[in-house]
Amino acid sequence: MTITDTHTHLYSEEFDHDRDEIIQRAIQAGVSRFFIPAIDSSCTQSMYDLEKNYPHNVFLMMGLHPTYVKENYLEELQHVEDELAKRKFYAIGEIGIDLYWDKTHLKEQQAAFKKQIQLAKKYKLPIVIHCREAFDEIFEILEEEKSADLFGVFHCFTGTYDQALQAMSYNMKLGIGGVVTFKNGKIDQFLSQIDLEHIVLETDSPYLAPIPFRGKRNESSYLINVLDKLAQIYGLSQKDIASMTTENSKVIFGI
């Protein structure tokens, strides 16, 4: 059984003291494909080091995270462009809009999101969207940029059923992680109405650990708990869920 974690920050300093153990634990649990989103230029070398150590398991994205869009965002976007020109990546991400912490740089976040969507089209890559309290703002830009070559993953989807349908209308898969196991997560109430062809699995580790680890550091091996919850929701075996969601990840990322 091959399970794919389509979103994990394995280079995070929270894993510095036991990263190898965590990766081995995940692989032993069947989670052997790790897609790694970028945050900003400060994490680039750590991502490359991770890929060097696990070349058959780790697949890198490049992008500027919306909460790291500051006054120097044009320099950061130039870094994204420079890295894309140098080597292969599997997605542009994670990108988007986040209005939870700070609305000061909304215009800059919007500009950065648009620019990175255009880079994704240029390089024929999927996008991986970060959206927090910004569904309307995200959808507005996706509507402007929609085209046959726009596709990707709506990472950590926490919206309503109608918002799920709207995201899917822009060729986005829904990234489902620990939130689906939360009592107040709500997405478990309608997920069975979404065909599995639109779903990929993720942890967003070290964040958003599923029940029974909620509040603790998340890791890729905990994707088994998400898999189990989806098996309950869809009335299928864990093996079937793993197979279908991994195939969906291959459609998105090309491997």
Protein backbone atom coordinates (compact mmCIF):
# COMPACT_ATOMS: atom_id res chain seq x y z
CA MET A 1 0.00 0.00 0.00
CA THR A 2 1.52 3.29 -1.15
CA ILE A 3 0.30 6.40 0.65
CA THR A 4 1.17 9.92 -0.52
CA ASP A 5 1.58 12.91 1.76
CA THR A 6 1.00 15.76 -0.68
CA HIS A 7 1.92 18.49 1.81
CA THR A 8 4.52 18.22 4.55
CA HIS A 9 7.14 20.65 5.84
CA LEU A 10 9.74 17.99 6.61
CA TYR A 11 12.55 20.57 6.55
CA SER A 12 10.94 22.41 9.49
CA GLU A 13 13.22 23.03 12.47
CA GLU A 14 10.63 21.19 14.57
CA PHE A 15 12.00 17.99 13.02
CA ASP A 16 15.69 18.83 13.40
CA HIS A 17 16.34 16.42 16.28
CA ASP A 18 14.58 13.34 14.82
CA ARG A 19 13.90 13.94 11.11
CA ASP A 20 15.33 10.62 9.92
CA GLU A 21 13.35 8.67 12.51
CA ILE A 22 10.14 10.43 11.48
CA ILE A 23 10.72 9.70 7.80
CA GLN A 24 11.51 6.06 8.48
CA ARG A 25 8.43 5.74 10.68
CA ALA A 26 6.30 7.12 7.86
CA ILE A 27 7.83 4.81 5.26
CA GLN A 28 7.24 1.80 7.52
CA ALA A 29 3.59 2.88 7.77
CA GLY A 30 3.33 2.96 3.96
CA VAL A 31 3.72 6.73 3.52
CA SER A 32 6.60 6.84 1.07
CA ARG A 33 5.94 9.88 -1.13
CA PHE A 34 6.44 13.33 0.39
CA PHE A 35 5.64 16.56 -1.45
CA ILE A 36 7.39 19.53 0.10
CA PRO A 37 5.99 23.07 -0.15
CA ALA A 38 8.23 26.11 0.00
CA ILE A 39 7.72 29.04 2.39
CA ASP A 40 10.28 31.64 1.33
CA SER A 41 13.95 31.85 0.32
CA SER A 42 15.16 31.03 3.84
CA CYS A 43 13.99 27.42 3.51
CA THR A 44 15.40 26.68 0.05
CA GLN A 45 18.70 25.14 1.12
CA SER A 46 17.00 23.01 3.78
CA MET A 47 14.64 21.69 1.11
CA TYR A 48 17.55 20.82 -1.17
CA ASP A 49 19.34 19.03 1.66
CA LEU A 50 16.20 17.00 2.39
CA GLU A 51 15.88 16.02 -1.26
CA LYS A 52 19.55 15.01 -1.39
CA ASN A 53 19.08 12.68 1.57
CA TYR A 54 15.83 11.15 0.27
CA PRO A 55 15.94 11.47 -3.53
CA HIS A 56 13.41 8.68 -4.16
CA ASN A 57 10.84 9.92 -1.64
CA VAL A 58 10.98 13.71 -1.58
CA PHE A 59 9.54 15.96 -4.29
CA LEU A 60 9.97 19.72 -4.02
CA MET A 61 7.74 22.69 -4.76
CA MET A 62 8.84 26.30 -5.15
CA GLY A 63 6.88 29.36 -4.12
CA LEU A 64 6.27 32.20 -1.68
CA HIS A 65 3.82 31.51 1.18
CA PRO A 66 1.25 34.30 1.61
CA THR A 67 2.08 34.99 5.27
CA TYR A 68 5.67 35.64 4.16
CA VAL A 69 4.61 38.26 1.63
CA LYS A 70 6.14 41.41 3.13
CA GLU A 71 7.71 44.64 1.87
CA ASN A 72 10.44 42.61 0.13
CA TYR A 73 8.00 40.33 -1.71
CA LEU A 74 9.31 41.32 -5.14
CA GLU A 75 12.77 40.10 -4.14
CA GLU A 76 11.25 36.87 -2.88
CA LEU A 77 9.32 36.39 -6.11
CA GLN A 78 12.55 36.91 -8.03
CA HIS A 79 14.09 34.13 -5.96
CA VAL A 80 11.19 31.88 -6.95
CA GLU A 81 11.74 32.71 -10.62
CA ASP A 82 15.49 32.16 -10.36
CA GLU A 83 15.08 28.73 -8.77
CA LEU A 84 12.44 27.67 -11.30
CA ALA A 85 14.86 28.51 -14.09
CA LYS A 86 17.60 26.37 -12.55
CA ARG A 87 15.98 23.00 -11.95
CA LYS A 88 12.87 20.84 -11.86
CA PHE A 89 10.07 21.31 -9.34
CA TYR A 90 6.76 19.47 -9.09
CA ALA A 91 4.47 22.39 -8.20
CA ILE A 92 4.31 26.09 -7.38
CA GLY A 93 3.43 26.24 -3.73
CA GLU A 94 2.40 26.94 -1.31
CA ILE A 95 0.83 30.14 -2.58
CA GLY A 96 -2.42 32.00 -1.97
CA ILE A 97 -3.93 34.46 0.49
CA ASP A 98 -4.06 34.41 4.29
CA LEU A 99 -6.13 37.02 6.12
CA TYR A 100 -6.19 35.28 9.49
CA TRP A 101 -3.09 36.82 11.02
CA ASP A 102 -2.69 40.09 9.16
CA LYS A 103 -4.55 41.96 6.43
CA THR A 104 -1.85 44.62 6.02
CA HIS A 105 -0.37 43.14 2.87
CA LEU A 106 -3.53 41.97 1.11
CA LYS A 107 -2.69 43.79 -2.13
CA GLU A 108 0.81 42.36 -2.12
CA GLN A 109 -0.56 38.87 -1.40
CA GLN A 110 -2.96 39.21 -4.32
CA ALA A 111 -0.17 40.35 -6.63
CA ALA A 112 2.13 37.54 -5.49
CA PHE A 113 -0.62 34.95 -5.94
CA LYS A 114 -1.36 36.11 -9.49
CA LYS A 115 2.31 36.22 -10.42
CA GLN A 116 2.92 32.69 -9.17
CA ILE A 117 -0.13 31.33 -10.98
CA GLN A 118 1.34 32.79 -14.15
CA LEU A 119 4.68 31.15 -13.40
CA ALA A 120 2.88 27.83 -12.94
CA LYS A 121 1.34 28.19 -16.37
CA LYS A 122 4.70 29.12 -17.87
CA TYR A 123 6.33 26.00 -16.45
CA LYS A 124 3.24 23.81 -16.90
CA LEU A 125 3.09 23.04 -13.18
CA PRO A 126 0.23 22.65 -10.71
CA ILE A 127 -0.34 25.20 -7.97
CA VAL A 128 -0.83 24.38 -4.29
CA ILE A 129 -3.13 26.92 -2.66
CA HIS A 130 -3.00 28.16 0.92
CA CYS A 131 -6.30 29.78 1.89
CA ARG A 132 -7.17 31.05 5.35
CA GLU A 133 -10.20 33.28 5.82
CA ALA A 134 -9.81 34.28 2.17
CA PHE A 135 -12.07 32.07 0.04
CA ASP A 136 -13.68 35.03 -1.75
CA GLU A 137 -10.32 36.64 -2.47
CA ILE A 138 -8.84 33.35 -3.69
CA PHE A 139 -11.82 32.57 -5.93
CA GLU A 140 -11.75 36.06 -7.41
CA ILE A 141 -8.21 35.54 -8.66
CA LEU A 142 -8.84 31.96 -9.79
CA GLU A 143 -11.79 33.25 -11.81
CA GLU A 144 -9.52 35.80 -13.48
CA GLU A 145 -6.82 33.23 -14.20
CA LYS A 146 -8.96 30.18 -14.99
CA SER A 147 -7.88 28.22 -18.05
CA ALA A 148 -7.26 24.67 -19.20
CA ASP A 149 -3.67 24.88 -17.94
CA LEU A 150 -4.62 26.01 -14.42
CA PHE A 151 -4.79 23.05 -12.02
CA GLY A 152 -3.55 21.93 -8.65
CA VAL A 153 -4.47 21.32 -5.02
CA PHE A 154 -6.54 23.38 -2.61
CA HIS A 155 -4.34 22.61 0.37
CA CYS A 156 -5.88 21.96 3.80
CA PHE A 157 -9.41 22.42 2.54
CA THR A 158 -11.69 23.61 5.36
CA GLY A 159 -14.53 25.23 3.43
CA THR A 160 -18.17 24.38 2.84
CA TYR A 161 -19.63 21.96 0.33
CA ASP A 162 -20.39 24.83 -2.06
CA GLN A 163 -16.84 26.14 -1.71
CA ALA A 164 -15.54 22.63 -2.42
CA LEU A 165 -17.54 22.54 -5.65
CA GLN A 166 -16.22 25.97 -6.60
CA ALA A 167 -12.63 24.94 -5.93
CA MET A 168 -13.10 21.81 -8.02
CA SER A 169 -14.51 23.92 -10.87
CA TYR A 170 -11.04 25.47 -11.22
CA ASN A 171 -9.41 22.02 -11.66
CA MET A 172 -8.36 21.83 -8.02
CA LYS A 173 -8.13 18.65 -5.98
CA LEU A 174 -9.01 19.01 -2.30
CA GLY A 175 -6.15 18.42 0.14
CA ILE A 176 -7.61 16.54 3.12
CA GLY A 177 -5.68 16.17 6.36
CA GLY A 178 -6.10 16.09 10.11
CA VAL A 179 -9.05 18.52 10.14
CA VAL A 180 -11.31 15.75 8.78
CA THR A 181 -10.87 13.92 12.11
CA PHE A 182 -11.80 16.93 14.27
CA LYS A 183 -15.24 16.99 15.90
CA ASN A 184 -15.66 20.60 14.80
CA GLY A 185 -13.92 20.15 11.44
CA LYS A 186 -17.27 20.02 9.58
CA ILE A 187 -15.85 18.78 6.26
CA ASP A 188 -16.55 15.19 7.33
CA GLN A 189 -20.27 16.05 7.16
CA PHE A 190 -20.29 16.48 3.37
CA LEU A 191 -17.12 14.81 2.12
CA SER A 192 -18.97 11.65 1.08
CA GLN A 193 -20.75 13.78 -1.52
CA ILE A 194 -17.38 14.54 -3.16
CA ASP A 195 -16.10 11.88 -5.53
CA LEU A 196 -12.75 10.45 -4.41
CA GLU A 197 -11.19 11.44 -7.73
CA HIS A 198 -11.10 14.99 -6.33
CA ILE A 199 -9.26 14.10 -3.08
CA VAL A 200 -5.59 13.92 -2.12
CA LEU A 201 -4.15 13.24 1.33
CA GLU A 202 -1.85 15.52 3.29
CA THR A 203 -0.61 16.19 6.80
CA ASP A 204 0.72 19.77 6.69
CA SER A 205 3.11 18.45 9.33
CA PRO A 206 4.31 19.62 11.76
CA TYR A 207 0.89 21.32 11.96
CA LEU A 208 -2.72 20.09 12.29
CA ALA A 209 -2.16 16.65 13.77
CA PRO A 210 -5.24 14.39 13.52
CA ILE A 211 -7.14 12.89 16.40
CA PRO A 212 -5.83 11.34 18.68
CA PHE A 213 -2.69 13.49 18.35
CA ARG A 214 -4.43 16.87 18.04
CA GLY A 215 -2.38 19.64 19.65
CA LYS A 216 0.86 17.70 19.28
CA ARG A 217 3.47 17.86 16.54
CA ASN A 218 2.15 16.26 13.39
CA GLU A 219 4.14 13.83 11.25
CA SER A 220 3.60 11.93 8.02
CA SER A 221 2.99 8.57 9.69
CA TYR A 222 -0.17 10.07 11.22
CA LEU A 223 -1.64 10.13 7.73
CA ILE A 224 -2.87 6.63 8.60
CA ASN A 225 -5.41 8.26 10.93
CA VAL A 226 -6.68 10.47 8.11
CA LEU A 227 -6.81 7.44 5.83
CA ASP A 228 -8.85 5.54 8.41
CA LYS A 229 -11.33 8.40 8.73
CA LEU A 230 -11.79 8.59 4.95
CA ALA A 231 -12.28 4.83 4.80
CA GLN A 232 -15.13 5.26 7.30
CA ILE A 233 -16.65 8.18 5.39
CA TYR A 234 -16.55 6.47 2.00
CA GLY A 235 -17.19 2.92 3.17
CA LEU A 236 -14.05 1.66 1.48
CA SER A 237 -10.90 -0.08 2.65
CA GLN A 238 -7.80 1.87 3.65
CA LYS A 239 -6.02 0.19 0.74
CA ASP A 240 -8.60 1.49 -1.74
CA ILE A 241 -8.43 5.03 -0.34
CA ALA A 242 -4.62 4.96 -0.42
CA SER A 243 -4.57 3.69 -3.99
CA MET A 244 -7.08 6.19 -5.33
CA THR A 245 -5.63 9.24 -3.58
CA THR A 246 -2.10 8.31 -4.63
CA GLU A 247 -3.28 7.99 -8.23
CA ASN A 248 -4.87 11.44 -7.90
CA SER A 249 -1.54 12.82 -6.69
CA LYS A 250 0.15 11.32 -9.74
CA VAL A 251 -2.36 13.10 -12.00
CA ILE A 252 -1.53 16.41 -10.31
CA PHE A 253 2.22 16.16 -9.84
CA GLY A 254 3.08 13.94 -12.79
CA ILE A 255 4.85 11.20 -10.82
